[in-house]
Amino acid sequence: MSLDLDDTAVTTVTTRIGSEQRYTLADVEAGLDSLQSDEQRWRGSWRRAAGSVLLPVAVLVLLVVVWQLSVWIAQPRPDIVPSPLAVAQSFGDLWSSGRLQQAVLTSLERGVFGFLIAVAVGTPIGLLLSEVPLLRRAVGPLISGLQVLPSVAWVPAAILWFGLSDATAYFVVLMGATPSIVNGLLSGVDQVPPQLRRVGKVLGASRWQQATLVVMPAALPGYLGGLKQGWAFSWRSLMAAEIITTGGTMGFGLGTLLDQSRQLADLPGVIVTIVGILVIGIVVELLVFAPIERRLARARGLARGEAR
């Protein structure tokens, strides 16, 4: 049996084969991850997650062991260098009395609420300064100066204005976090390619639409960095305010617990409170900002280690 193909059929087949080859190459180029099995990808993700958790835990355990060995060998005064066992006992006492939980919840409520206020205030200011160059040149140095100013310097003025109340803590948090959020947003806007603004202008976007729909999404990495730094300043400012502004209608926060432990010369209690402040900062970083950073990097094709 013979097979006769005219020129049209040969051309059609060749075109289909060529397009099929092009499609296959593009598919291979865009989907190299499909060569890995689901089990391999799961193992790789599990190893990365385990490594990111086990390494810090191992370092922490090593530090505690060295600490305990130094106490056994040097035998310092317990009121100057307490042992890990004494600190653990103090943690148990604070936990059983409920004072530690109360302090953590009070400080977290203040810190989160104050930080959200700072975001609501700093974001519009940053957008306004980014869109009005003259205003930025006039106010920008002041914002940078406020970021350098230690937030604890606002505590005496806040006490005179608001008394020993929660408003003092919120004001100090606001003044500590807002400059970092504004400068972070401005830094992100400075890295936006000018072509994006031109495209928005060609498409008929107004100045406000360009700022919110074009510039703001492109400036997200810098803005997120400003938010992270703003949260760090918020948490530090809050602790300073709580340590100084004790009494009145101020609630019982971690700063208050830290100051009370100092007054009682309870060094294990001081260490427990310091560790609690540190742990909360780490938990917020791992559970809030780190997932947002990974999602943003993955959306922009910048995630590292995804193919490994």
Protein backbone atom coordinates (compact mmCIF):
# COMPACT_ATOMS: atom_id res chain seq x y z
CA MET A 1 0.00 0.00 0.00
CA SER A 2 1.44 3.34 -1.05
CA LEU A 3 1.07 6.62 0.76
CA ASP A 4 0.88 9.71 -1.40
CA LEU A 5 1.21 13.13 0.17
CA ASP A 6 0.85 16.32 -1.78
CA ASP A 7 2.82 19.47 -1.03
CA THR A 8 0.01 20.95 1.05
CA ALA A 9 -0.18 17.92 3.31
CA VAL A 10 3.59 17.86 3.75
CA THR A 11 3.59 21.53 4.63
CA THR A 12 0.76 21.02 7.12
CA VAL A 13 2.47 18.11 8.80
CA THR A 14 5.77 19.95 8.93
CA THR A 15 4.09 22.99 10.43
CA ARG A 16 2.36 20.89 13.05
CA ILE A 17 5.57 19.11 13.91
CA GLY A 18 7.46 22.37 14.11
CA SER A 19 4.82 23.98 16.29
CA GLU A 20 4.67 20.84 18.39
CA GLN A 21 8.43 20.99 18.85
CA ARG A 22 8.28 24.65 19.79
CA TYR A 23 5.54 23.98 22.28
CA THR A 24 7.49 21.11 23.81
CA LEU A 25 10.64 23.22 24.20
CA ALA A 26 8.71 26.08 25.76
CA ASP A 27 6.95 23.69 28.07
CA VAL A 28 10.24 22.15 29.17
CA GLU A 29 11.77 25.57 29.70
CA ALA A 30 8.83 26.85 31.75
CA GLY A 31 8.20 23.67 33.75
CA LEU A 32 11.47 22.10 34.80
CA ASP A 33 10.00 21.64 38.26
CA SER A 34 7.69 18.97 36.83
CA LEU A 35 10.68 16.63 36.47
CA GLN A 36 10.65 16.26 40.22
CA SER A 37 8.12 14.01 41.81
CA ASP A 38 5.72 15.23 44.44
CA GLU A 39 7.57 13.20 47.02
CA GLN A 40 10.89 14.84 46.13
CA ARG A 41 9.40 18.32 46.36
CA TRP A 42 7.79 17.47 49.69
CA ARG A 43 11.09 16.15 51.04
CA GLY A 44 12.91 19.26 49.88
CA SER A 45 10.38 21.57 51.54
CA TRP A 46 10.46 19.51 54.73
CA ARG A 47 14.25 19.61 54.84
CA ARG A 48 14.33 23.38 54.38
CA ALA A 49 11.70 23.90 57.08
CA ALA A 50 13.42 21.49 59.46
CA GLY A 51 16.78 23.14 58.84
CA SER A 52 15.42 26.61 59.52
CA VAL A 53 13.95 25.41 62.84
CA LEU A 54 16.48 22.86 64.04
CA LEU A 55 19.56 25.04 63.61
CA PRO A 56 18.33 27.91 65.85
CA VAL A 57 17.04 25.38 68.41
CA ALA A 58 20.41 23.63 68.42
CA VAL A 59 22.22 26.93 68.98
CA LEU A 60 19.82 27.79 71.82
CA VAL A 61 20.35 24.42 73.49
CA LEU A 62 24.12 24.84 73.17
CA LEU A 63 23.98 28.27 74.81
CA VAL A 64 21.91 26.92 77.71
CA VAL A 65 24.35 24.03 78.21
CA VAL A 66 27.34 26.41 78.23
CA TRP A 67 25.47 28.67 80.66
CA GLN A 68 24.75 25.78 83.05
CA LEU A 69 28.33 24.47 82.84
CA SER A 70 29.73 27.91 83.61
CA VAL A 71 27.48 28.14 86.69
CA TRP A 72 28.61 24.71 87.88
CA ILE A 73 32.30 25.48 87.33
CA ALA A 74 32.58 29.15 88.37
CA GLN A 75 29.82 29.02 91.02
CA PRO A 76 28.99 32.77 90.92
CA ARG A 77 26.59 34.49 93.26
CA PRO A 78 23.03 33.38 92.42
CA ASP A 79 21.75 36.96 92.65
CA ILE A 80 24.21 38.01 89.92
CA VAL A 81 24.32 34.98 87.62
CA PRO A 82 21.32 32.69 88.18
CA SER A 83 21.32 29.20 86.75
CA PRO A 84 18.98 28.07 83.96
CA LEU A 85 17.14 25.99 86.55
CA ALA A 86 16.45 29.10 88.64
CA VAL A 87 15.19 30.92 85.57
CA ALA A 88 12.97 27.97 84.66
CA GLN A 89 11.57 27.95 88.22
CA SER A 90 10.85 31.69 87.97
CA PHE A 91 9.07 31.10 84.67
CA GLY A 92 6.92 28.44 86.31
CA ASP A 93 6.03 30.76 89.19
CA LEU A 94 5.10 33.64 86.86
CA TRP A 95 3.07 31.30 84.64
CA SER A 96 1.18 29.66 87.51
CA SER A 97 0.29 33.05 88.99
CA GLY A 98 -1.00 34.26 85.62
CA ARG A 99 1.11 37.43 85.69
CA LEU A 100 3.16 36.43 82.67
CA GLN A 101 0.12 35.72 80.49
CA GLN A 102 -1.47 39.01 81.55
CA ALA A 103 1.69 40.94 80.74
CA VAL A 104 2.08 39.29 77.33
CA LEU A 105 -1.53 39.91 76.31
CA THR A 106 -1.45 43.53 77.47
CA SER A 107 1.77 44.34 75.64
CA LEU A 108 0.69 42.51 72.49
CA GLU A 109 -2.60 44.40 72.40
CA ARG A 110 -0.83 47.72 72.80
CA GLY A 111 1.90 46.88 70.32
CA VAL A 112 -0.41 45.63 67.57
CA PHE A 113 -2.95 48.42 67.96
CA GLY A 114 -0.26 51.10 68.07
CA PHE A 115 1.47 49.62 65.04
CA LEU A 116 -1.79 49.57 63.05
CA ILE A 117 -2.32 53.24 63.91
CA ALA A 118 1.21 53.98 62.70
CA VAL A 119 0.53 52.13 59.43
CA ALA A 120 -2.71 54.06 58.92
CA VAL A 121 -0.87 57.35 59.51
CA GLY A 122 2.47 56.61 57.83
CA THR A 123 1.19 55.09 54.57
CA PRO A 124 -0.77 58.15 53.34
CA ILE A 125 2.07 60.44 54.41
CA GLY A 126 4.56 58.34 52.45
CA LEU A 127 2.37 58.32 49.35
CA LEU A 128 1.85 62.07 49.59
CA LEU A 129 5.56 62.77 49.92
CA SER A 130 6.35 60.43 47.02
CA GLU A 131 3.95 62.26 44.71
CA VAL A 132 4.83 65.83 45.74
CA PRO A 133 8.61 66.34 45.32
CA LEU A 134 8.57 69.85 46.82
CA LEU A 135 6.85 68.61 49.97
CA ARG A 136 9.28 65.71 50.20
CA ARG A 137 12.27 68.03 50.03
CA ALA A 138 10.74 70.14 52.78
CA VAL A 139 9.56 67.38 55.13
CA GLY A 140 11.88 64.49 54.23
CA PRO A 141 14.79 65.57 56.48
CA LEU A 142 12.40 65.94 59.41
CA ILE A 143 11.06 62.41 58.88
CA SER A 144 14.61 61.03 58.77
CA GLY A 145 15.49 62.97 61.93
CA LEU A 146 12.47 61.55 63.75
CA GLN A 147 13.54 58.05 62.73
CA VAL A 148 16.97 58.59 64.29
CA LEU A 149 15.52 60.12 67.46
CA PRO A 150 15.27 57.50 70.25
CA SER A 151 11.59 56.89 70.89
CA VAL A 152 12.17 56.85 74.65
CA ALA A 153 12.77 60.61 74.38
CA TRP A 154 9.03 61.02 73.74
CA VAL A 155 8.05 59.36 77.02
CA PRO A 156 8.43 62.40 79.35
CA ALA A 157 6.47 64.65 76.99
CA ALA A 158 3.79 61.97 76.52
CA ILE A 159 3.41 61.62 80.30
CA LEU A 160 2.87 65.38 80.61
CA TRP A 161 0.34 65.36 77.76
CA PHE A 162 -1.60 62.17 78.49
CA GLY A 163 -0.67 61.24 82.06
CA LEU A 164 -0.02 57.67 83.20
CA SER A 165 -2.46 56.10 80.75
CA ASP A 166 -2.47 53.81 77.73
CA ALA A 167 -2.55 56.88 75.48
CA THR A 168 1.06 57.56 76.49
CA ALA A 169 2.15 54.13 75.28
CA TYR A 170 0.22 54.49 72.01
CA PHE A 171 1.71 57.92 71.34
CA VAL A 172 5.26 56.69 71.91
CA VAL A 173 4.64 53.70 69.62
CA LEU A 174 3.19 55.99 66.95
CA MET A 175 6.16 58.35 67.01
CA GLY A 176 8.60 55.45 66.99
CA ALA A 177 7.08 53.51 64.08
CA THR A 178 5.67 56.12 61.68
CA PRO A 179 9.00 57.55 60.39
CA SER A 180 10.27 54.06 59.52
CA ILE A 181 7.09 53.23 57.63
CA VAL A 182 7.22 56.52 55.70
CA ASN A 183 10.89 56.13 54.78
CA GLY A 184 10.39 52.49 53.81
CA LEU A 185 7.60 53.44 51.42
CA LEU A 186 9.67 56.28 49.97
CA SER A 187 12.59 53.91 49.45
CA GLY A 188 10.34 51.48 47.62
CA VAL A 189 8.90 54.24 45.44
CA ASP A 190 12.41 55.41 44.50
CA GLN A 191 13.10 51.94 43.08
CA VAL A 192 10.01 51.89 40.85
CA PRO A 193 11.02 52.06 37.14
CA PRO A 194 9.90 55.35 35.52
CA GLN A 195 8.41 53.35 32.64
CA LEU A 196 5.59 52.18 34.90
CA ARG A 197 4.52 55.75 35.55
CA ARG A 198 4.59 56.50 31.82
CA VAL A 199 2.44 53.45 31.09
CA GLY A 200 -0.08 54.52 33.69
CA LYS A 201 -0.17 58.02 32.26
CA VAL A 202 -0.67 56.71 28.73
CA LEU A 203 -3.55 54.53 29.93
CA GLY A 204 -5.24 57.61 31.37
CA ALA A 205 -4.63 57.00 35.07
CA SER A 206 -5.05 60.00 37.33
CA ARG A 207 -2.34 61.00 39.78
CA TRP A 208 -4.11 59.22 42.64
CA GLN A 209 -4.65 56.10 40.52
CA GLN A 210 -0.97 56.06 39.56
CA ALA A 211 0.02 56.33 43.22
CA THR A 212 -2.32 53.60 44.46
CA LEU A 213 -2.62 51.22 41.48
CA VAL A 214 0.78 51.55 39.80
CA VAL A 215 3.42 52.89 42.17
CA MET A 216 2.21 51.31 45.42
CA PRO A 217 2.17 47.68 44.13
CA ALA A 218 5.60 48.15 42.53
CA ALA A 219 6.99 49.60 45.76
CA LEU A 220 5.79 46.71 47.95
CA PRO A 221 9.27 45.25 48.72
CA GLY A 222 10.55 48.54 50.12
CA TYR A 223 7.25 49.20 51.86
CA LEU A 224 7.36 45.77 53.50
CA GLY A 225 10.88 46.49 54.72
CA GLY A 226 9.60 49.72 56.25
CA LEU A 227 6.76 47.84 57.93
CA LYS A 228 9.19 45.34 59.46
CA GLN A 229 11.39 48.11 60.77
CA GLY A 230 8.32 49.99 61.96
CA TRP A 231 7.17 46.97 63.96
CA ALA A 232 10.63 46.65 65.52
CA PHE A 233 10.53 50.31 66.55
CA SER A 234 6.96 49.86 67.82
CA TRP A 235 7.92 46.96 70.06
CA ARG A 236 11.02 48.67 71.42
CA SER A 237 9.16 51.95 71.98
CA LEU A 238 6.39 50.15 73.83
CA MET A 239 8.82 48.42 76.16
CA ALA A 240 10.51 51.73 76.97
CA ALA A 241 7.15 53.38 77.64
CA GLU A 242 5.95 50.53 79.86
CA ILE A 243 9.15 50.51 81.92
CA ILE A 244 8.97 54.23 82.64
CA THR A 245 5.22 54.84 82.87
CA THR A 246 4.24 52.58 85.73
CA GLY A 247 1.22 53.34 87.87
CA GLY A 248 -1.88 55.36 87.12
CA THR A 249 -4.25 53.65 84.72
CA MET A 250 -1.44 51.87 82.87
CA GLY A 251 -2.12 48.18 82.51
CA PHE A 252 0.29 45.42 83.52
CA GLY A 253 2.58 44.81 80.54
CA LEU A 254 5.93 43.16 79.99
CA GLY A 255 7.76 46.43 80.63
CA THR A 256 5.98 46.78 83.95
CA LEU A 257 6.85 43.19 84.86
CA LEU A 258 10.47 43.85 83.94
CA ASP A 259 10.62 46.96 86.12
CA GLN A 260 8.94 45.20 89.08
CA SER A 261 11.43 42.33 88.85
CA ARG A 262 14.27 44.86 88.89
CA GLN A 263 12.87 46.59 91.97
CA LEU A 264 12.63 43.23 93.77
CA ALA A 265 16.19 42.29 92.67
CA ASP A 266 14.65 39.24 91.03
CA LEU A 267 17.20 38.57 88.30
CA PRO A 268 15.61 35.26 87.18
CA GLY A 269 12.34 37.16 86.71
CA VAL A 270 14.18 39.85 84.72
CA ILE A 271 15.69 37.19 82.45
CA VAL A 272 12.32 35.49 81.97
CA THR A 273 10.77 38.81 80.93
CA ILE A 274 13.63 39.63 78.55
CA VAL A 275 13.34 36.21 76.94
CA GLY A 276 9.58 36.72 76.62
CA ILE A 277 10.06 40.05 74.85
CA LEU A 278 12.60 38.42 72.51
CA VAL A 279 10.38 35.42 71.77
CA ILE A 280 7.40 37.61 70.87
CA GLY A 281 9.55 39.58 68.43
CA ILE A 282 10.77 36.37 66.79
CA VAL A 283 7.29 34.85 66.61
CA VAL A 284 5.85 37.95 64.93
CA GLU A 285 8.68 37.90 62.42
CA LEU A 286 8.22 34.20 61.61
CA LEU A 287 4.42 34.09 61.55
CA VAL A 288 3.58 37.48 60.01
CA PHE A 289 6.36 39.11 58.02
CA ALA A 290 8.29 36.04 56.80
CA PRO A 291 5.28 34.42 55.03
CA ILE A 292 4.39 37.75 53.39
CA GLU A 293 7.97 38.14 52.18
CA ARG A 294 8.03 34.62 50.73
CA ARG A 295 4.67 35.11 49.00
CA LEU A 296 5.79 38.44 47.54
CA ALA A 297 9.11 37.02 46.36
CA ARG A 298 7.38 33.99 44.82
CA ALA A 299 4.91 36.21 42.98
CA ARG A 300 7.81 38.19 41.48
CA GLY A 301 9.89 35.11 40.64
CA LEU A 302 12.52 35.99 43.24
CA ALA A 303 12.05 33.07 45.65
CA ARG A 304 15.30 31.28 46.34
CA GLY A 305 15.55 27.56 46.65
CA GLU A 306 12.17 26.77 45.11
CA ALA A 307 13.66 24.45 42.52
CA ARG A 308 16.02 22.68 44.84
